[in-house]
Amino acid sequence: MARAALHTFHTRHDFTPDLGWAAFQLIREFGIEGIEVGQLESAAQATTSPLARRADLTKILASLGELGLVARTGKTVSLTDLGRALADGLGVYESGFRAAVHCLFAWQWLLEKDGGHASPSWSYREVCRHLLGSPPSGLTADDLVIRVVEAAGRFDAERVSFSRSSVAGVTTWLRAQSPPLVEGHGTTILRARGQPPAPSLLRLNLAALCALEGGKVPLDGEAMDRLTESMLVPPDELWLPTVEYTRESREFCFVQGGKGAVVFQGSGDPFVRFVALGAAGGTADGHQCKV
């Protein structure tokens, strides 16, 4: 997954689900050779794509690049191996693309294992963490800005660029999940409560957690905390649905003992494999489950 050269905290608010999906689909149509950015902008203007309302696609392409889905060589932009895995897998559907972007935002910083370097992924997860622990009355965008800026003190950054628009850049993707992970009342943002975790989202977040934990994930401690932050569901509400899901899944299995553990076994979806196993995910098998 791509990493910026400097500390970056801002999550672009103009990288919206509809524009991100439209750009991803358009790049996909031009195949493995890619397309020049100017031609991409012309193609967008010539169609009914929502990209047509944007005179410049630089920020959208930059966000897709930061997530590791596209790469730019000179004037040409094309899908990366990760991007092609998404295009050939659950990214065929817009809901799958949105879930994948949430997963990449939520896990990229952890998977890169560069704790001294700030990225939009760090800020995204930090917002999720604070929303998960928020009171029933929720938090305002200003509350979240203050908390993220304070937490950013861990980095050696001269300036922390994180604002209300940065919060909007995170929450637009949380709202785009099915069902939405957050809801709003006026200027307040609330974690969605009283709804079971979406299996499609649990699938991706478990795959990412398995990658982080080396294939086998204990359903307690820090590993479970990380899963709850990405799902915005507290541990006491997430544990049983996770156990039930993995017991019925062909991609994961549940291992008994204590709170139990989850093992990734393999997947027919190239993106799920790529997330769980890294660059070898296109061909490698997962771990064998020993109960």
Protein backbone atom coordinates (compact mmCIF):
# COMPACT_ATOMS: atom_id res chain seq x y z
CA MET A 1 0.00 0.00 0.00
CA ALA A 2 1.25 3.49 -0.90
CA ARG A 3 2.71 5.90 1.66
CA ALA A 4 3.16 9.64 1.42
CA ALA A 5 6.66 11.08 1.95
CA LEU A 6 5.63 13.51 4.72
CA HIS A 7 3.27 13.52 7.67
CA THR A 8 -0.24 13.85 6.22
CA PHE A 9 -3.29 14.06 8.47
CA HIS A 10 -5.98 15.46 6.19
CA THR A 11 -8.47 13.04 4.62
CA ARG A 12 -9.74 14.69 1.44
CA HIS A 13 -13.42 15.61 1.70
CA ASP A 14 -13.68 15.86 -2.09
CA PHE A 15 -12.77 12.18 -2.48
CA THR A 16 -16.40 11.11 -2.21
CA PRO A 17 -17.86 7.62 -2.73
CA ASP A 18 -19.57 8.52 -6.01
CA LEU A 19 -16.51 10.27 -7.48
CA GLY A 20 -14.10 7.61 -6.23
CA TRP A 21 -16.22 4.83 -7.74
CA ALA A 22 -16.62 6.68 -11.04
CA ALA A 23 -12.86 7.28 -11.37
CA PHE A 24 -12.04 3.68 -10.44
CA GLN A 25 -14.49 2.31 -13.00
CA LEU A 26 -13.25 4.60 -15.76
CA ILE A 27 -9.60 3.66 -15.18
CA ARG A 28 -10.58 0.00 -15.09
CA GLU A 29 -12.22 0.26 -18.51
CA PHE A 30 -8.93 1.24 -20.13
CA GLY A 31 -7.21 -1.96 -19.04
CA ILE A 32 -3.77 -2.79 -17.74
CA GLU A 33 -1.94 -0.24 -19.95
CA GLY A 34 -3.74 2.62 -18.26
CA ILE A 35 -4.69 6.01 -19.63
CA GLU A 36 -3.20 9.49 -19.72
CA VAL A 37 -4.74 11.81 -17.16
CA GLY A 38 -5.79 14.29 -19.85
CA GLN A 39 -7.57 11.54 -21.77
CA LEU A 40 -9.24 10.37 -18.57
CA GLU A 41 -10.58 13.86 -17.91
CA SER A 42 -11.79 14.11 -21.52
CA ALA A 43 -13.50 10.71 -21.26
CA ALA A 44 -15.22 11.84 -18.05
CA GLN A 45 -16.47 15.03 -19.74
CA ALA A 46 -17.78 13.03 -22.71
CA THR A 47 -19.92 10.72 -20.56
CA THR A 48 -22.62 11.08 -17.95
CA SER A 49 -20.04 10.25 -15.27
CA PRO A 50 -20.26 12.36 -12.08
CA LEU A 51 -16.60 13.11 -12.79
CA ALA A 52 -17.79 15.43 -15.55
CA ARG A 53 -18.57 18.09 -12.95
CA ARG A 54 -14.91 18.19 -11.93
CA ALA A 55 -12.52 20.21 -14.06
CA ASP A 56 -9.50 18.60 -12.38
CA LEU A 57 -9.24 14.99 -11.19
CA THR A 58 -5.90 15.47 -9.40
CA LYS A 59 -7.22 15.13 -5.84
CA ILE A 60 -9.38 12.11 -6.60
CA LEU A 61 -6.53 10.31 -8.34
CA ALA A 62 -4.20 11.26 -5.48
CA SER A 63 -6.55 9.64 -2.95
CA LEU A 64 -6.84 6.47 -5.03
CA GLY A 65 -3.04 6.48 -5.23
CA GLU A 66 -2.60 6.89 -1.47
CA LEU A 67 -4.85 3.88 -0.96
CA GLY A 68 -2.66 1.86 -3.29
CA LEU A 69 -5.37 1.30 -5.92
CA VAL A 70 -3.82 3.30 -8.76
CA ALA A 71 -0.31 4.30 -9.77
CA ARG A 72 0.88 7.17 -11.92
CA THR A 73 3.83 6.90 -14.30
CA GLY A 74 4.48 10.21 -15.97
CA LYS A 75 1.15 11.28 -17.45
CA THR A 76 -0.36 7.79 -17.34
CA VAL A 77 -2.51 6.42 -14.53
CA SER A 78 -3.35 2.73 -14.19
CA LEU A 79 -4.59 0.21 -11.66
CA THR A 80 -2.01 -1.36 -9.36
CA ASP A 81 -1.99 -5.07 -8.54
CA LEU A 82 -4.22 -4.24 -5.56
CA GLY A 83 -6.51 -2.17 -7.79
CA ARG A 84 -6.82 -4.99 -10.31
CA ALA A 85 -7.58 -7.45 -7.50
CA LEU A 86 -10.40 -5.15 -6.39
CA ALA A 87 -11.64 -4.71 -9.97
CA ASP A 88 -11.72 -8.49 -10.46
CA GLY A 89 -13.35 -9.16 -7.10
CA LEU A 90 -15.86 -7.38 -4.92
CA GLY A 91 -15.06 -4.06 -6.64
CA VAL A 92 -17.34 -5.15 -9.48
CA TYR A 93 -20.11 -3.69 -7.32
CA GLU A 94 -20.23 -0.16 -5.97
CA SER A 95 -21.09 -1.37 -2.46
CA GLY A 96 -18.02 -3.63 -2.59
CA PHE A 97 -15.82 -0.74 -3.69
CA ARG A 98 -17.08 1.40 -0.82
CA ALA A 99 -16.44 -1.36 1.71
CA ALA A 100 -12.95 -1.87 0.28
CA VAL A 101 -12.08 1.83 0.58
CA HIS A 102 -13.23 1.84 4.20
CA CYS A 103 -11.10 -1.24 4.88
CA LEU A 104 -8.01 0.29 3.25
CA PHE A 105 -8.43 3.58 5.09
CA ALA A 106 -8.95 1.81 8.42
CA TRP A 107 -6.04 -0.64 8.17
CA GLN A 108 -3.38 0.83 5.89
CA TRP A 109 -1.48 2.68 8.63
CA LEU A 110 -1.37 -0.39 10.88
CA LEU A 111 -0.36 -2.74 8.06
CA GLU A 112 2.50 -0.48 6.99
CA LYS A 113 3.92 -0.81 10.53
CA ASP A 114 5.49 2.64 10.48
CA GLY A 115 4.23 4.03 13.76
CA GLY A 116 6.31 7.18 13.52
CA HIS A 117 4.71 8.32 10.27
CA ALA A 118 1.29 9.97 10.07
CA SER A 119 -1.03 9.33 7.13
CA PRO A 120 -4.71 9.87 6.28
CA SER A 121 -5.22 6.26 7.34
CA TRP A 122 -4.02 7.10 10.86
CA SER A 123 -6.46 10.02 11.05
CA TYR A 124 -9.29 7.89 9.66
CA ARG A 125 -8.80 5.21 12.31
CA GLU A 126 -8.43 7.84 15.02
CA VAL A 127 -11.83 9.31 14.09
CA CYS A 128 -13.32 5.80 14.15
CA ARG A 129 -11.78 5.15 17.56
CA HIS A 130 -13.29 8.28 19.07
CA LEU A 131 -16.70 7.65 17.51
CA LEU A 132 -16.68 4.11 18.88
CA GLY A 133 -16.11 5.42 22.41
CA SER A 134 -18.43 8.41 22.05
CA PRO A 135 -21.44 8.97 24.33
CA PRO A 136 -24.98 8.27 23.03
CA SER A 137 -25.31 12.00 22.32
CA GLY A 138 -22.44 11.73 19.83
CA LEU A 139 -19.62 14.13 18.99
CA THR A 140 -19.42 17.25 16.86
CA ALA A 141 -16.91 17.71 14.06
CA ASP A 142 -15.11 20.24 16.26
CA ASP A 143 -14.89 17.67 19.07
CA LEU A 144 -13.28 15.21 16.67
CA VAL A 145 -10.84 17.79 15.31
CA ILE A 146 -9.65 18.63 18.83
CA ARG A 147 -9.23 14.95 19.76
CA VAL A 148 -7.37 14.02 16.59
CA VAL A 149 -5.04 17.03 16.84
CA GLU A 150 -4.28 16.16 20.47
CA ALA A 151 -3.60 12.51 19.58
CA ALA A 152 -1.32 13.68 16.74
CA GLY A 153 1.11 14.91 19.39
CA ARG A 154 2.69 11.46 19.15
CA PHE A 155 4.23 12.47 15.81
CA ASP A 156 7.11 14.82 15.25
CA ALA A 157 5.09 17.15 13.03
CA GLU A 158 5.56 20.91 12.81
CA ARG A 159 1.89 21.37 11.96
CA VAL A 160 -1.17 19.14 12.14
CA SER A 161 -3.47 19.90 9.23
CA PHE A 162 -6.77 18.39 10.29
CA SER A 163 -10.07 20.27 10.16
CA ARG A 164 -13.84 19.90 9.85
CA SER A 165 -13.37 19.09 6.18
CA SER A 166 -10.97 16.31 7.20
CA VAL A 167 -13.68 14.90 9.47
CA ALA A 168 -16.10 15.08 6.53
CA GLY A 169 -13.56 13.15 4.46
CA VAL A 170 -13.80 10.31 6.97
CA THR A 171 -17.51 10.34 7.77
CA THR A 172 -18.58 10.41 4.12
CA TRP A 173 -17.14 6.88 3.78
CA LEU A 174 -18.58 5.74 7.11
CA ARG A 175 -22.02 6.88 5.93
CA ALA A 176 -21.49 5.14 2.57
CA GLN A 177 -21.35 1.67 4.12
CA SER A 178 -24.36 -0.62 3.98
CA PRO A 179 -25.79 -0.14 6.54
CA PRO A 180 -24.16 3.21 7.44
CA LEU A 181 -21.73 3.13 10.36
CA VAL A 182 -22.62 6.64 11.52
CA GLU A 183 -25.61 8.93 11.44
CA GLY A 184 -26.04 12.63 12.04
CA HIS A 185 -28.37 14.89 13.96
CA GLY A 186 -27.69 18.51 13.14
CA THR A 187 -24.00 19.14 13.70
CA THR A 188 -23.57 15.97 15.75
CA ILE A 189 -22.11 12.69 14.49
CA LEU A 190 -23.28 9.49 16.17
CA ARG A 191 -22.13 5.92 15.89
CA ALA A 192 -24.97 3.85 14.48
CA ARG A 193 -26.31 1.65 17.28
CA GLY A 194 -28.57 -1.35 17.56
CA GLN A 195 -27.73 -2.89 14.20
CA PRO A 196 -25.84 -6.14 13.55
CA PRO A 197 -22.45 -5.83 11.84
CA ALA A 198 -22.63 -6.19 8.07
CA PRO A 199 -21.14 -9.58 7.04
CA SER A 200 -19.50 -8.06 3.95
CA LEU A 201 -17.67 -5.48 6.06
CA LEU A 202 -16.79 -7.99 8.77
CA ARG A 203 -15.27 -10.21 6.08
CA LEU A 204 -12.88 -7.51 4.87
CA ASN A 205 -11.92 -6.25 8.30
CA LEU A 206 -11.20 -9.79 9.49
CA ALA A 207 -9.01 -10.34 6.42
CA ALA A 208 -7.02 -7.18 7.24
CA LEU A 209 -6.71 -8.18 10.88
CA CYS A 210 -5.49 -11.64 9.88
CA ALA A 211 -2.82 -9.96 7.74
CA LEU A 212 -1.75 -7.84 10.70
CA GLU A 213 -1.69 -10.82 13.09
CA GLY A 214 -0.01 -13.27 10.73
CA GLY A 215 -3.04 -15.35 9.82
CA LYS A 216 -4.49 -16.25 13.24
CA VAL A 217 -6.42 -13.68 15.26
CA PRO A 218 -7.32 -13.99 18.96
CA LEU A 219 -10.79 -12.60 19.65
CA ASP A 220 -9.71 -10.66 22.70
CA GLY A 221 -7.17 -8.08 23.75
CA GLU A 222 -5.62 -5.62 21.32
CA ALA A 223 -6.62 -7.61 18.23
CA MET A 224 -10.30 -7.47 19.15
CA ASP A 225 -10.00 -3.77 19.99
CA ARG A 226 -8.66 -3.10 16.51
CA LEU A 227 -11.52 -5.01 14.92
CA THR A 228 -14.11 -3.10 16.95
CA GLU A 229 -12.55 0.24 15.94
CA SER A 230 -12.82 -0.58 12.25
CA MET A 231 -16.38 -1.91 12.59
CA LEU A 232 -17.55 0.80 15.05
CA VAL A 233 -19.14 -1.92 17.17
CA PRO A 234 -18.17 -2.48 20.85
CA PRO A 235 -16.46 -5.79 21.77
CA ASP A 236 -19.43 -7.12 23.74
CA GLU A 237 -21.66 -6.61 20.69
CA LEU A 238 -19.18 -7.82 18.08
CA TRP A 239 -17.74 -11.01 19.59
CA LEU A 240 -20.75 -13.32 19.09
CA PRO A 241 -21.56 -12.17 15.52
CA THR A 242 -17.88 -12.69 14.64
CA VAL A 243 -17.91 -16.22 16.05
CA GLU A 244 -21.14 -17.07 14.25
CA TYR A 245 -19.88 -15.60 10.98
CA THR A 246 -16.57 -17.45 11.01
CA ARG A 247 -18.22 -20.75 11.93
CA GLU A 248 -20.34 -20.52 8.78
CA SER A 249 -17.62 -19.09 6.54
CA ARG A 250 -15.49 -21.00 4.04
CA GLU A 251 -12.86 -18.28 4.09
CA PHE A 252 -12.31 -18.23 7.86
CA CYS A 253 -12.69 -20.73 10.65
CA PHE A 254 -13.17 -20.42 14.38
CA VAL A 255 -10.69 -22.02 16.76
CA GLN A 256 -11.93 -22.79 20.27
CA GLY A 257 -10.11 -21.92 23.48
CA GLY A 258 -10.73 -18.92 25.72
CA LYS A 259 -12.47 -16.26 23.67
CA GLY A 260 -11.44 -18.22 20.60
CA ALA A 261 -9.47 -17.23 17.53
CA VAL A 262 -10.09 -16.76 13.83
CA VAL A 263 -7.92 -18.25 11.08
CA PHE A 264 -7.93 -17.13 7.45
CA GLN A 265 -8.02 -20.20 5.18
CA GLY A 266 -8.27 -18.70 1.71
CA SER A 267 -10.74 -16.96 -0.59
CA GLY A 268 -12.03 -17.09 -4.13
CA ASP A 269 -12.09 -13.28 -4.17
CA PRO A 270 -8.73 -11.85 -5.32
CA PHE A 271 -9.11 -8.67 -3.25
CA VAL A 272 -9.86 -10.55 -0.02
CA ARG A 273 -6.81 -12.75 -0.70
CA PHE A 274 -4.65 -9.71 -1.42
CA VAL A 275 -5.71 -7.99 1.80
CA ALA A 276 -5.23 -11.10 3.94
CA LEU A 277 -2.01 -12.33 2.37
CA GLY A 278 -0.36 -9.28 0.82
CA ALA A 279 1.09 -9.22 -2.68
CA ALA A 280 1.07 -13.04 -2.78
CA GLY A 281 -2.68 -13.00 -2.25
CA GLY A 282 -3.41 -13.55 -5.91
CA THR A 283 -2.03 -17.07 -5.84
CA ALA A 284 -1.24 -18.12 -2.28
CA ASP A 285 -3.47 -20.16 -0.03
CA GLY A 286 -4.29 -19.25 3.53
CA HIS A 287 -3.42 -21.07 6.73
CA GLN A 288 -4.80 -24.46 7.56
CA CYS A 289 -7.30 -24.37 10.38
CA LYS A 290 -6.46 -26.67 13.26
CA VAL A 291 -9.32 -27.00 15.73
